[in-house]
Amino acid sequence: MIRFLRLKSLFVFGFTLCLALIGGLVLGIGQPSVAHPLEAQVMLAGANITGTLFLEQRENGLVRIRGSIQGDPATLTPGLHGFHLHASGVCEPNTQPAFSTAGGHFDPGPFGSEVPVEANHPYHLGDLPNLVVDATGRAIYNAQTSRVTLSEGPLTLFDDNSTAIIIHQLPDQQRAGGTGAEAGGGRLACGVVTQRGETES
C-alpha cells in the first residue's frame, strides 16, 4: 500500500512537472530574450558634402560604423581623409575654424586627452580608420571599433554633450606625436551622433 502511494505521488509530481514545462514553452517562460542591437545615425554635412552613417553595437561589443558620403571632388578630394569621433555633438560650420565647436577627438576618462591632438593621437578612443574617397568624390565607409559604446557606461557616445563625426581635409597619418595637420588638418564636414530614429536638432 505504501509503495503504491509513493508511486502515485511520483506519477502526480512527474505529470505536474511536464505540464509546467509545456506551459512554459507555450508562453515563452524561461526562453532567452533576443536583445535588439543598439543603433545610432549620423547625418554629415559640409560645403558640398553630404552623407549618412549608421552605427550599431553588436553582441560582441564592437561598434560598426557604415554608410556613404558624397562630395564635390574639388573639396572632398580623392584619396584618404582623417575620420574621427569628436568630443562634442555641436556642428557649427560658420565658426573659425569650421566645426571647431565639435571639440577635440573623443577621449573620455581620467587619462584621456582630447586637446591638443598631439597629446594622445592616434590612441584617442575616437580615432578611426581613414575615409577613402574615389575620383568622383564618393566614399563608402565600413569599419568597426572596440574603443567606444552606444550603451551606457564610461565610453558611451551619448554622454552629457553627445559626440560628432568629423571628416578632415587631409589624411590621418596615425603617427604618435604628430602635428594637428598630420592627424587630418582642417574640418570639411560634421555630423552629430544621434540615437536611431531621432532627428538632429
N, C-alpha and C. Protein backbone atom coordinates (compact mmCIF):
# COMPACT_ATOMS: atom_id res chain seq x y z
N MET A 1 0.84 -1.21 0.00
CA MET A 1 0.00 0.00 0.00
C MET A 1 0.87 1.26 0.00
N ILE A 2 1.89 1.24 0.88
CA ILE A 2 2.79 2.40 0.98
C ILE A 2 3.55 2.60 -0.33
N ARG A 3 3.96 1.43 -0.90
CA ARG A 3 4.68 1.51 -2.17
C ARG A 3 3.79 2.10 -3.27
N PHE A 4 2.53 1.70 -3.29
CA PHE A 4 1.58 2.21 -4.27
C PHE A 4 1.40 3.71 -4.14
N LEU A 5 1.31 4.21 -2.88
CA LEU A 5 1.14 5.64 -2.65
C LEU A 5 2.36 6.43 -3.11
N ARG A 6 3.55 5.83 -2.88
CA ARG A 6 4.77 6.52 -3.33
C ARG A 6 4.80 6.63 -4.86
N LEU A 7 4.44 5.50 -5.51
CA LEU A 7 4.41 5.53 -6.97
C LEU A 7 3.40 6.53 -7.49
N LYS A 8 2.24 6.58 -6.82
CA LYS A 8 1.20 7.53 -7.22
C LYS A 8 1.68 8.96 -7.06
N SER A 9 2.38 9.24 -5.94
CA SER A 9 2.91 10.58 -5.70
C SER A 9 3.94 10.98 -6.76
N LEU A 10 4.82 10.02 -7.10
CA LEU A 10 5.82 10.30 -8.13
C LEU A 10 5.17 10.57 -9.48
N PHE A 11 4.12 9.79 -9.79
CA PHE A 11 3.40 9.98 -11.04
C PHE A 11 2.77 11.36 -11.12
N VAL A 12 2.11 11.78 -10.02
CA VAL A 12 1.47 13.09 -9.97
C VAL A 12 2.51 14.19 -10.11
N PHE A 13 3.65 14.04 -9.41
CA PHE A 13 4.71 15.05 -9.47
C PHE A 13 5.27 15.16 -10.89
N GLY A 14 5.51 13.98 -11.51
CA GLY A 14 6.05 14.00 -12.86
C GLY A 14 5.07 14.59 -13.85
N PHE A 15 3.81 14.27 -13.73
CA PHE A 15 2.78 14.80 -14.61
C PHE A 15 2.68 16.32 -14.47
N THR A 16 2.72 16.81 -13.23
CA THR A 16 2.65 18.26 -12.97
C THR A 16 3.86 18.98 -13.55
N LEU A 17 5.04 18.36 -13.40
CA LEU A 17 6.26 18.97 -13.93
C LEU A 17 6.19 19.07 -15.46
N CYS A 18 5.67 18.02 -16.10
CA CYS A 18 5.54 18.05 -17.56
C CYS A 18 4.60 19.16 -18.01
N LEU A 19 3.47 19.30 -17.29
CA LEU A 19 2.54 20.37 -17.65
C LEU A 19 3.18 21.74 -17.50
N ALA A 20 3.97 21.91 -16.44
CA ALA A 20 4.63 23.20 -16.21
C ALA A 20 5.62 23.51 -17.32
N LEU A 21 6.39 22.49 -17.74
CA LEU A 21 7.36 22.70 -18.80
C LEU A 21 6.68 23.03 -20.12
N ILE A 22 5.59 22.30 -20.41
CA ILE A 22 4.86 22.57 -21.65
C ILE A 22 4.27 23.97 -21.64
N GLY A 23 3.69 24.34 -20.50
CA GLY A 23 3.14 25.70 -20.38
C GLY A 23 4.19 26.76 -20.54
N GLY A 24 5.37 26.51 -20.01
CA GLY A 24 6.47 27.46 -20.13
C GLY A 24 6.91 27.64 -21.57
N LEU A 25 6.96 26.52 -22.31
CA LEU A 25 7.34 26.62 -23.72
C LEU A 25 6.32 27.38 -24.54
N VAL A 26 5.03 27.12 -24.27
CA VAL A 26 3.96 27.81 -25.00
C VAL A 26 3.97 29.29 -24.73
N LEU A 27 4.15 29.66 -23.47
CA LEU A 27 4.10 31.07 -23.09
C LEU A 27 5.43 31.78 -23.27
N GLY A 28 6.48 31.02 -23.55
CA GLY A 28 7.79 31.64 -23.70
C GLY A 28 8.49 31.87 -22.39
N ILE A 29 7.97 31.29 -21.30
CA ILE A 29 8.60 31.47 -20.00
C ILE A 29 9.91 30.71 -19.99
N GLY A 30 10.95 31.37 -19.52
CA GLY A 30 12.24 30.73 -19.45
C GLY A 30 13.03 30.79 -20.75
N GLN A 31 12.44 31.33 -21.80
CA GLN A 31 13.15 31.46 -23.06
C GLN A 31 14.05 32.69 -23.02
N PRO A 32 15.27 32.58 -23.51
CA PRO A 32 16.15 33.75 -23.51
C PRO A 32 15.60 34.83 -24.44
N SER A 33 15.58 36.05 -23.96
CA SER A 33 15.08 37.15 -24.78
C SER A 33 16.12 37.55 -25.81
N VAL A 34 15.67 37.93 -26.99
CA VAL A 34 16.57 38.35 -28.06
C VAL A 34 16.83 39.84 -27.90
N ALA A 35 18.08 40.19 -27.64
CA ALA A 35 18.43 41.59 -27.42
C ALA A 35 18.47 42.33 -28.75
N HIS A 36 17.78 43.45 -28.84
CA HIS A 36 17.82 44.27 -30.04
C HIS A 36 19.12 45.05 -30.07
N PRO A 37 19.80 45.12 -31.19
CA PRO A 37 21.06 45.85 -31.25
C PRO A 37 20.86 47.34 -31.00
N LEU A 38 21.82 47.96 -30.35
CA LEU A 38 21.77 49.40 -30.13
C LEU A 38 22.22 50.08 -31.41
N GLU A 39 21.47 51.10 -31.84
CA GLU A 39 21.74 51.73 -33.12
C GLU A 39 21.78 53.25 -32.99
N ALA A 40 22.56 53.88 -33.87
CA ALA A 40 22.65 55.33 -33.93
C ALA A 40 22.85 55.73 -35.38
N GLN A 41 22.71 57.02 -35.65
CA GLN A 41 22.89 57.51 -37.01
C GLN A 41 23.59 58.86 -36.98
N VAL A 42 24.19 59.21 -38.11
CA VAL A 42 24.88 60.49 -38.26
C VAL A 42 24.54 61.05 -39.63
N MET A 43 24.08 62.29 -39.65
CA MET A 43 23.83 62.99 -40.91
C MET A 43 24.97 63.99 -41.10
N LEU A 44 25.88 63.66 -41.99
CA LEU A 44 27.05 64.52 -42.23
C LEU A 44 26.73 65.63 -43.21
N ALA A 45 27.28 66.81 -42.95
CA ALA A 45 27.08 67.94 -43.85
C ALA A 45 28.30 68.85 -43.81
N GLY A 46 28.64 69.38 -44.97
CA GLY A 46 29.72 70.34 -45.09
C GLY A 46 29.56 71.08 -46.41
N ALA A 47 30.56 71.83 -46.80
CA ALA A 47 30.49 72.56 -48.07
C ALA A 47 30.48 71.57 -49.23
N ASN A 48 29.31 71.42 -49.87
CA ASN A 48 29.14 70.49 -50.99
C ASN A 48 29.45 69.04 -50.61
N ILE A 49 29.18 68.71 -49.34
CA ILE A 49 29.39 67.34 -48.85
C ILE A 49 28.17 66.91 -48.06
N THR A 50 27.67 65.73 -48.34
CA THR A 50 26.58 65.15 -47.56
C THR A 50 26.87 63.67 -47.35
N GLY A 51 26.27 63.12 -46.32
CA GLY A 51 26.47 61.70 -46.08
C GLY A 51 25.61 61.20 -44.93
N THR A 52 25.40 59.91 -44.90
CA THR A 52 24.64 59.28 -43.83
C THR A 52 25.42 58.07 -43.33
N LEU A 53 25.55 58.00 -42.02
CA LEU A 53 26.25 56.88 -41.40
C LEU A 53 25.31 56.19 -40.41
N PHE A 54 25.49 54.89 -40.26
CA PHE A 54 24.73 54.12 -39.29
C PHE A 54 25.70 53.41 -38.36
N LEU A 55 25.41 53.49 -37.08
CA LEU A 55 26.24 52.84 -36.07
C LEU A 55 25.42 51.75 -35.40
N GLU A 56 26.06 50.62 -35.15
CA GLU A 56 25.37 49.52 -34.49
C GLU A 56 26.33 48.84 -33.53
N GLN A 57 25.90 48.71 -32.28
CA GLN A 57 26.70 47.97 -31.29
C GLN A 57 26.30 46.50 -31.36
N ARG A 58 27.25 45.66 -31.68
CA ARG A 58 26.99 44.26 -31.90
C ARG A 58 27.08 43.48 -30.59
N GLU A 59 26.67 42.20 -30.65
CA GLU A 59 26.64 41.37 -29.45
C GLU A 59 28.01 41.20 -28.83
N ASN A 60 29.07 41.26 -29.66
CA ASN A 60 30.42 41.11 -29.12
C ASN A 60 30.98 42.42 -28.58
N GLY A 61 30.16 43.48 -28.57
CA GLY A 61 30.58 44.76 -28.00
C GLY A 61 31.18 45.72 -29.01
N LEU A 62 31.55 45.22 -30.19
CA LEU A 62 32.12 46.11 -31.21
C LEU A 62 31.04 47.03 -31.78
N VAL A 63 31.43 48.25 -32.10
CA VAL A 63 30.53 49.20 -32.75
C VAL A 63 30.91 49.29 -34.23
N ARG A 64 29.95 48.95 -35.08
CA ARG A 64 30.17 49.01 -36.52
C ARG A 64 29.67 50.36 -37.03
N ILE A 65 30.48 51.00 -37.88
CA ILE A 65 30.13 52.28 -38.49
C ILE A 65 30.15 52.09 -40.00
N ARG A 66 29.02 52.34 -40.65
CA ARG A 66 28.96 52.12 -42.09
C ARG A 66 28.07 53.21 -42.72
N GLY A 67 28.31 53.48 -43.97
CA GLY A 67 27.49 54.46 -44.66
C GLY A 67 28.20 54.98 -45.89
N SER A 68 27.60 56.00 -46.49
CA SER A 68 28.16 56.57 -47.72
C SER A 68 28.21 58.09 -47.63
N ILE A 69 29.19 58.65 -48.29
CA ILE A 69 29.40 60.10 -48.31
C ILE A 69 29.61 60.52 -49.76
N GLN A 70 29.04 61.65 -50.13
CA GLN A 70 29.23 62.19 -51.47
C GLN A 70 29.63 63.66 -51.36
N GLY A 71 30.65 64.05 -52.11
CA GLY A 71 31.07 65.43 -52.08
C GLY A 71 31.59 65.88 -53.43
N ASP A 72 31.75 67.17 -53.57
CA ASP A 72 32.40 67.73 -54.75
C ASP A 72 33.87 67.35 -54.69
N PRO A 73 34.40 66.63 -55.69
CA PRO A 73 35.80 66.19 -55.62
C PRO A 73 36.81 67.33 -55.56
N ALA A 74 36.34 68.54 -55.86
CA ALA A 74 37.23 69.68 -55.69
C ALA A 74 37.43 70.00 -54.20
N THR A 75 36.47 69.61 -53.37
CA THR A 75 36.57 69.82 -51.92
C THR A 75 36.92 68.53 -51.20
N LEU A 76 36.09 67.51 -51.43
CA LEU A 76 36.36 66.19 -50.86
C LEU A 76 37.22 65.45 -51.88
N THR A 77 38.49 65.74 -51.83
CA THR A 77 39.42 65.29 -52.87
C THR A 77 39.64 63.77 -52.82
N PRO A 78 39.91 63.17 -53.97
CA PRO A 78 40.19 61.73 -53.99
C PRO A 78 41.38 61.38 -53.10
N GLY A 79 41.26 60.24 -52.43
CA GLY A 79 42.33 59.80 -51.53
C GLY A 79 41.84 59.64 -50.11
N LEU A 80 42.76 59.71 -49.17
CA LEU A 80 42.46 59.48 -47.76
C LEU A 80 42.13 60.78 -47.03
N HIS A 81 41.16 60.68 -46.11
CA HIS A 81 40.79 61.81 -45.26
C HIS A 81 40.64 61.32 -43.82
N GLY A 82 41.21 62.09 -42.89
CA GLY A 82 41.03 61.76 -41.48
C GLY A 82 39.56 61.71 -41.11
N PHE A 83 39.22 60.79 -40.23
CA PHE A 83 37.82 60.49 -39.91
C PHE A 83 37.77 60.12 -38.44
N HIS A 84 37.14 61.00 -37.64
CA HIS A 84 37.20 60.80 -36.19
C HIS A 84 35.89 61.10 -35.50
N LEU A 85 35.72 60.47 -34.34
CA LEU A 85 34.68 60.87 -33.40
C LEU A 85 35.21 62.02 -32.56
N HIS A 86 34.41 63.09 -32.46
CA HIS A 86 34.83 64.26 -31.70
C HIS A 86 33.99 64.43 -30.44
N ALA A 87 34.54 65.19 -29.50
CA ALA A 87 34.06 65.18 -28.12
C ALA A 87 32.71 65.85 -27.89
N SER A 88 32.28 66.71 -28.78
CA SER A 88 31.04 67.46 -28.55
C SER A 88 30.12 67.38 -29.77
N GLY A 89 28.86 67.11 -29.51
CA GLY A 89 27.89 66.99 -30.59
C GLY A 89 27.34 68.33 -31.04
N VAL A 90 28.23 69.24 -31.44
CA VAL A 90 27.83 70.56 -31.92
C VAL A 90 28.58 70.82 -33.23
N CYS A 91 27.84 70.96 -34.32
CA CYS A 91 28.44 71.16 -35.64
C CYS A 91 28.06 72.54 -36.17
N GLU A 92 28.94 73.51 -35.99
CA GLU A 92 28.69 74.87 -36.46
C GLU A 92 29.67 75.19 -37.59
N PRO A 93 29.18 75.24 -38.83
CA PRO A 93 30.10 75.45 -39.96
C PRO A 93 30.66 76.85 -40.05
N ASN A 94 30.00 77.82 -39.42
CA ASN A 94 30.41 79.22 -39.58
C ASN A 94 31.41 79.68 -38.54
N THR A 95 31.87 78.79 -37.68
CA THR A 95 32.90 79.16 -36.71
C THR A 95 34.26 79.17 -37.40
N GLN A 96 35.22 79.76 -36.75
CA GLN A 96 36.58 79.78 -37.26
C GLN A 96 37.53 79.12 -36.27
N PRO A 97 38.14 78.01 -36.64
CA PRO A 97 37.94 77.29 -37.90
C PRO A 97 36.61 76.54 -37.91
N ALA A 98 36.17 76.13 -39.08
CA ALA A 98 34.87 75.48 -39.25
C ALA A 98 34.76 74.23 -38.39
N PHE A 99 33.61 74.08 -37.77
CA PHE A 99 33.27 72.92 -36.94
C PHE A 99 34.17 72.75 -35.72
N SER A 100 34.83 73.82 -35.32
CA SER A 100 35.66 73.74 -34.11
C SER A 100 34.81 73.53 -32.86
N THR A 101 33.49 73.79 -32.96
CA THR A 101 32.58 73.58 -31.83
C THR A 101 32.48 72.11 -31.45
N ALA A 102 32.91 71.21 -32.33
CA ALA A 102 32.87 69.78 -32.01
C ALA A 102 33.99 69.35 -31.08
N GLY A 103 34.89 70.27 -30.75
CA GLY A 103 35.96 69.96 -29.81
C GLY A 103 37.02 69.05 -30.40
N GLY A 104 37.81 68.48 -29.49
CA GLY A 104 38.89 67.59 -29.91
C GLY A 104 38.40 66.17 -30.12
N HIS A 105 39.32 65.27 -30.35
CA HIS A 105 38.97 63.88 -30.56
C HIS A 105 38.38 63.28 -29.27
N PHE A 106 37.32 62.50 -29.43
CA PHE A 106 36.65 61.87 -28.30
C PHE A 106 37.65 61.02 -27.53
N ASP A 107 37.82 61.31 -26.25
CA ASP A 107 38.82 60.60 -25.44
C ASP A 107 38.50 60.78 -23.95
N PRO A 108 37.36 60.21 -23.49
CA PRO A 108 36.94 60.41 -22.10
C PRO A 108 37.81 59.65 -21.11
N GLY A 109 37.61 59.97 -19.84
CA GLY A 109 38.31 59.25 -18.78
C GLY A 109 39.45 60.04 -18.19
N PRO A 110 39.93 59.59 -17.03
CA PRO A 110 40.97 60.35 -16.32
C PRO A 110 42.29 60.44 -17.06
N PHE A 111 42.53 59.52 -17.98
CA PHE A 111 43.79 59.54 -18.73
C PHE A 111 43.60 60.00 -20.17
N GLY A 112 42.40 60.49 -20.48
CA GLY A 112 42.11 60.97 -21.81
C GLY A 112 42.72 62.33 -22.06
N SER A 113 42.90 62.66 -23.33
CA SER A 113 43.46 63.96 -23.70
C SER A 113 42.90 64.35 -25.06
N GLU A 114 41.79 65.10 -25.04
CA GLU A 114 41.13 65.47 -26.30
C GLU A 114 41.90 66.54 -27.06
N VAL A 115 42.45 67.50 -26.34
CA VAL A 115 43.26 68.55 -26.96
C VAL A 115 44.48 68.80 -26.08
N PRO A 116 45.62 69.17 -26.66
CA PRO A 116 45.85 69.23 -28.11
C PRO A 116 45.89 67.83 -28.72
N VAL A 117 45.64 67.73 -30.00
CA VAL A 117 45.54 66.43 -30.66
C VAL A 117 46.83 65.64 -30.54
N GLU A 118 47.95 66.33 -30.43
CA GLU A 118 49.24 65.66 -30.39
C GLU A 118 49.41 64.81 -29.12
N ALA A 119 48.66 65.17 -28.06
CA ALA A 119 48.91 64.57 -26.75
C ALA A 119 48.66 63.07 -26.70
N ASN A 120 47.66 62.57 -27.41
CA ASN A 120 47.35 61.15 -27.29
C ASN A 120 47.02 60.50 -28.63
N HIS A 121 47.28 61.18 -29.72
CA HIS A 121 46.98 60.63 -31.03
C HIS A 121 48.07 59.65 -31.46
N PRO A 122 47.76 58.52 -32.07
CA PRO A 122 46.46 58.05 -32.58
C PRO A 122 45.75 57.10 -31.62
N TYR A 123 45.88 57.35 -30.32
CA TYR A 123 45.31 56.45 -29.33
C TYR A 123 44.04 56.99 -28.68
N HIS A 124 43.51 58.11 -29.20
CA HIS A 124 42.23 58.59 -28.71
C HIS A 124 41.17 57.52 -28.95
N LEU A 125 40.20 57.46 -28.06
CA LEU A 125 39.13 56.49 -28.24
C LEU A 125 38.29 56.78 -29.49
N GLY A 126 38.31 58.03 -29.94
CA GLY A 126 37.55 58.42 -31.13
C GLY A 126 38.31 58.33 -32.42
N ASP A 127 39.56 57.87 -32.40
CA ASP A 127 40.34 57.75 -33.63
C ASP A 127 39.86 56.55 -34.44
N LEU A 128 39.59 56.77 -35.71
CA LEU A 128 39.03 55.75 -36.59
C LEU A 128 39.88 55.64 -37.86
N PRO A 129 39.69 54.56 -38.64
CA PRO A 129 40.40 54.46 -39.92
C PRO A 129 40.03 55.60 -40.86
N ASN A 130 40.95 55.93 -41.74
CA ASN A 130 40.72 56.99 -42.72
C ASN A 130 39.53 56.67 -43.63
N LEU A 131 38.90 57.75 -44.10
CA LEU A 131 37.89 57.66 -45.14
C LEU A 131 38.59 57.61 -46.49
N VAL A 132 38.16 56.72 -47.38
CA VAL A 132 38.78 56.59 -48.71
C VAL A 132 37.79 57.13 -49.75
N VAL A 133 38.17 58.17 -50.45
CA VAL A 133 37.31 58.86 -51.41
C VAL A 133 37.78 58.54 -52.82
N ASP A 134 36.80 58.25 -53.70
CA ASP A 134 37.18 57.93 -55.08
C ASP A 134 37.24 59.20 -55.94
N ALA A 135 37.47 59.02 -57.23
CA ALA A 135 37.68 60.15 -58.14
C ALA A 135 36.45 61.02 -58.31
N THR A 136 35.27 60.49 -57.98
CA THR A 136 34.03 61.26 -58.13
C THR A 136 33.61 61.96 -56.84
N GLY A 137 34.42 61.83 -55.78
CA GLY A 137 34.07 62.43 -54.51
C GLY A 137 33.16 61.56 -53.65
N ARG A 138 33.04 60.29 -54.00
CA ARG A 138 32.18 59.37 -53.27
C ARG A 138 33.02 58.45 -52.38
N ALA A 139 32.47 58.12 -51.22
CA ALA A 139 33.15 57.21 -50.30
C ALA A 139 32.14 56.28 -49.63
N ILE A 140 32.51 55.04 -49.51
CA ILE A 140 31.75 54.05 -48.75
C ILE A 140 32.57 53.71 -47.51
N TYR A 141 31.97 53.88 -46.34
CA TYR A 141 32.71 53.63 -45.10
C TYR A 141 32.15 52.40 -44.41
N ASN A 142 33.06 51.55 -43.93
CA ASN A 142 32.66 50.35 -43.20
C ASN A 142 33.81 49.95 -42.29
N ALA A 143 33.64 50.22 -41.00
CA ALA A 143 34.70 49.93 -40.05
C ALA A 143 34.08 49.55 -38.71
N GLN A 144 34.90 48.94 -37.85
CA GLN A 144 34.46 48.58 -36.51
C GLN A 144 35.46 49.11 -35.49
N THR A 145 34.96 49.45 -34.33
CA THR A 145 35.83 49.90 -33.25
C THR A 145 35.41 49.28 -31.93
N SER A 146 36.38 48.97 -31.11
CA SER A 146 36.12 48.45 -29.77
C SER A 146 36.35 49.53 -28.70
N ARG A 147 36.61 50.75 -29.16
CA ARG A 147 37.01 51.81 -28.22
C ARG A 147 35.85 52.57 -27.62
N VAL A 148 34.65 52.46 -28.21
CA VAL A 148 33.50 53.23 -27.73
C VAL A 148 32.29 52.31 -27.65
N THR A 149 31.22 52.82 -27.01
CA THR A 149 29.97 52.06 -26.93
C THR A 149 28.78 52.97 -27.22
N LEU A 150 27.67 52.35 -27.61
CA LEU A 150 26.40 53.06 -27.69
C LEU A 150 25.59 52.85 -26.42
N SER A 151 25.93 51.83 -25.67
CA SER A 151 25.26 51.57 -24.40
C SER A 151 25.81 52.49 -23.32
N GLU A 152 25.11 52.55 -22.20
CA GLU A 152 25.53 53.40 -21.09
C GLU A 152 26.86 52.90 -20.54
N GLY A 153 27.67 53.84 -20.06
CA GLY A 153 28.96 53.48 -19.50
C GLY A 153 29.97 54.58 -19.73
N PRO A 154 31.18 54.39 -19.25
CA PRO A 154 32.20 55.45 -19.35
C PRO A 154 32.67 55.74 -20.77
N LEU A 155 32.42 54.84 -21.71
CA LEU A 155 32.88 55.04 -23.09
C LEU A 155 31.74 55.35 -24.05
N THR A 156 30.54 55.64 -23.52
CA THR A 156 29.39 55.87 -24.37
C THR A 156 29.52 57.14 -25.20
N LEU A 157 28.99 57.07 -26.41
CA LEU A 157 28.95 58.26 -27.27
C LEU A 157 27.82 59.20 -26.87
N PHE A 158 26.91 58.71 -26.01
CA PHE A 158 25.78 59.53 -25.57
C PHE A 158 26.01 60.05 -24.16
N ASP A 159 27.11 60.78 -24.00
CA ASP A 159 27.40 61.41 -22.71
C ASP A 159 26.65 62.74 -22.63
N ASP A 160 27.03 63.59 -21.69
CA ASP A 160 26.27 64.84 -21.44
C ASP A 160 26.22 65.76 -22.65
N ASN A 161 27.29 65.77 -23.45
CA ASN A 161 27.29 66.69 -24.59
C ASN A 161 27.34 65.97 -25.93
N SER A 162 27.02 64.66 -25.93
CA SER A 162 26.97 63.86 -27.15
C SER A 162 28.32 63.90 -27.87
N THR A 163 28.34 63.41 -29.09
CA THR A 163 29.57 63.36 -29.88
C THR A 163 29.25 63.67 -31.34
N ALA A 164 30.29 63.87 -32.11
CA ALA A 164 30.13 64.15 -33.54
C ALA A 164 31.19 63.38 -34.33
N ILE A 165 30.93 63.20 -35.61
CA ILE A 165 31.93 62.64 -36.51
C ILE A 165 32.38 63.74 -37.46
N ILE A 166 33.69 63.85 -37.63
CA ILE A 166 34.29 64.87 -38.49
C ILE A 166 35.05 64.21 -39.64
N ILE A 167 34.86 64.77 -40.85
CA ILE A 167 35.72 64.43 -41.99
C ILE A 167 36.76 65.53 -42.11
N HIS A 168 38.02 65.14 -42.14
CA HIS A 168 39.11 66.12 -42.21
C HIS A 168 39.61 66.31 -43.63
N GLN A 169 40.33 67.39 -43.81
CA GLN A 169 40.81 67.78 -45.13
C GLN A 169 41.94 66.88 -45.62
N LEU A 170 42.77 66.41 -44.70
CA LEU A 170 43.98 65.67 -45.06
C LEU A 170 43.93 64.24 -44.52
N PRO A 171 44.82 63.39 -44.97
CA PRO A 171 44.89 62.04 -44.39
C PRO A 171 45.35 62.10 -42.93
N ASP A 172 44.84 61.16 -42.15
CA ASP A 172 45.37 60.96 -40.80
C ASP A 172 46.54 60.00 -40.91
N GLN A 173 47.75 60.50 -40.65
CA GLN A 173 48.93 59.66 -40.78
C GLN A 173 49.09 58.71 -39.59
N GLN A 174 48.23 58.89 -38.57
CA GLN A 174 48.19 57.99 -37.42
C GLN A 174 49.58 57.79 -36.82
N ARG A 175 50.25 58.93 -36.69
CA ARG A 175 51.61 58.91 -36.16
C ARG A 175 51.63 59.48 -34.75
N ALA A 176 52.18 58.73 -33.83
CA ALA A 176 52.26 59.19 -32.45
C ALA A 176 53.10 60.45 -32.36
N GLY A 177 52.57 61.45 -31.66
CA GLY A 177 53.29 62.71 -31.51
C GLY A 177 53.24 63.59 -32.72
N GLY A 178 52.41 63.24 -33.71
CA GLY A 178 52.32 64.05 -34.92
C GLY A 178 51.60 65.36 -34.67
N THR A 179 51.66 66.24 -35.64
CA THR A 179 51.01 67.54 -35.53
C THR A 179 49.52 67.42 -35.85
N GLY A 180 48.77 68.51 -35.64
CA GLY A 180 47.36 68.53 -35.99
C GLY A 180 47.16 68.29 -37.47
N ALA A 181 48.05 68.83 -38.31
CA ALA A 181 47.94 68.62 -39.76
C ALA A 181 48.16 67.16 -40.11
N GLU A 182 49.08 66.50 -39.42
CA GLU A 182 49.34 65.09 -39.68
C GLU A 182 48.21 64.20 -39.19
N ALA A 183 47.36 64.74 -38.31
CA ALA A 183 46.20 63.99 -37.82
C ALA A 183 44.95 64.24 -38.65
N GLY A 184 45.07 65.05 -39.70
CA GLY A 184 43.94 65.28 -40.59
C GLY A 184 43.72 66.74 -40.96
N GLY A 185 44.26 67.65 -40.17
CA GLY A 185 44.15 69.07 -40.53
C GLY A 185 42.74 69.62 -40.41
N GLY A 186 42.38 70.52 -41.34
CA GLY A 186 41.09 71.22 -41.29
C GLY A 186 39.89 70.28 -41.37
N ARG A 187 38.73 70.83 -41.03
CA ARG A 187 37.50 70.04 -40.96
C ARG A 187 36.57 70.39 -42.12
N LEU A 188 36.18 69.36 -42.88
CA LEU A 188 35.36 69.57 -44.07
C LEU A 188 33.87 69.34 -43.82
N ALA A 189 33.54 68.40 -42.96
CA ALA A 189 32.13 68.06 -42.72
C ALA A 189 31.98 67.54 -41.31
N CYS A 190 30.73 67.64 -40.81
CA CYS A 190 30.47 67.28 -39.41
C CYS A 190 29.05 66.73 -39.31
N GLY A 191 28.85 65.81 -38.39
CA GLY A 191 27.51 65.29 -38.11
C GLY A 191 27.41 64.80 -36.69
N VAL A 192 26.29 65.07 -36.04
CA VAL A 192 26.08 64.69 -34.65
C VAL A 192 25.60 63.24 -34.58
N VAL A 193 26.13 62.48 -33.64
CA VAL A 193 25.69 61.11 -33.41
C VAL A 193 24.39 61.14 -32.62
N THR A 194 23.32 60.61 -33.20
CA THR A 194 22.02 60.60 -32.52
C THR A 194 21.50 59.18 -32.48
N GLN A 195 20.64 58.90 -31.51
CA GLN A 195 20.02 57.59 -31.44
C GLN A 195 19.13 57.39 -32.65
N ARG A 196 19.11 56.18 -33.16
CA ARG A 196 18.37 55.88 -34.40
C ARG A 196 16.90 56.26 -34.24
N GLY A 197 16.39 57.01 -35.20
CA GLY A 197 15.01 57.42 -35.16
C GLY A 197 14.82 58.85 -34.67
N GLU A 198 15.85 59.38 -34.00
CA GLU A 198 15.79 60.78 -33.55
C GLU A 198 16.18 61.69 -34.70
N THR A 199 15.77 62.93 -34.62
CA THR A 199 16.14 63.94 -35.61
C THR A 199 17.10 64.92 -34.97
N GLU A 200 18.19 65.18 -35.64
CA GLU A 200 19.17 66.13 -35.11
C GLU A 200 18.55 67.51 -35.03
N SER A 201 18.68 68.12 -33.87
CA SER A 201 18.10 69.46 -33.67
C SER A 201 19.04 70.54 -34.20
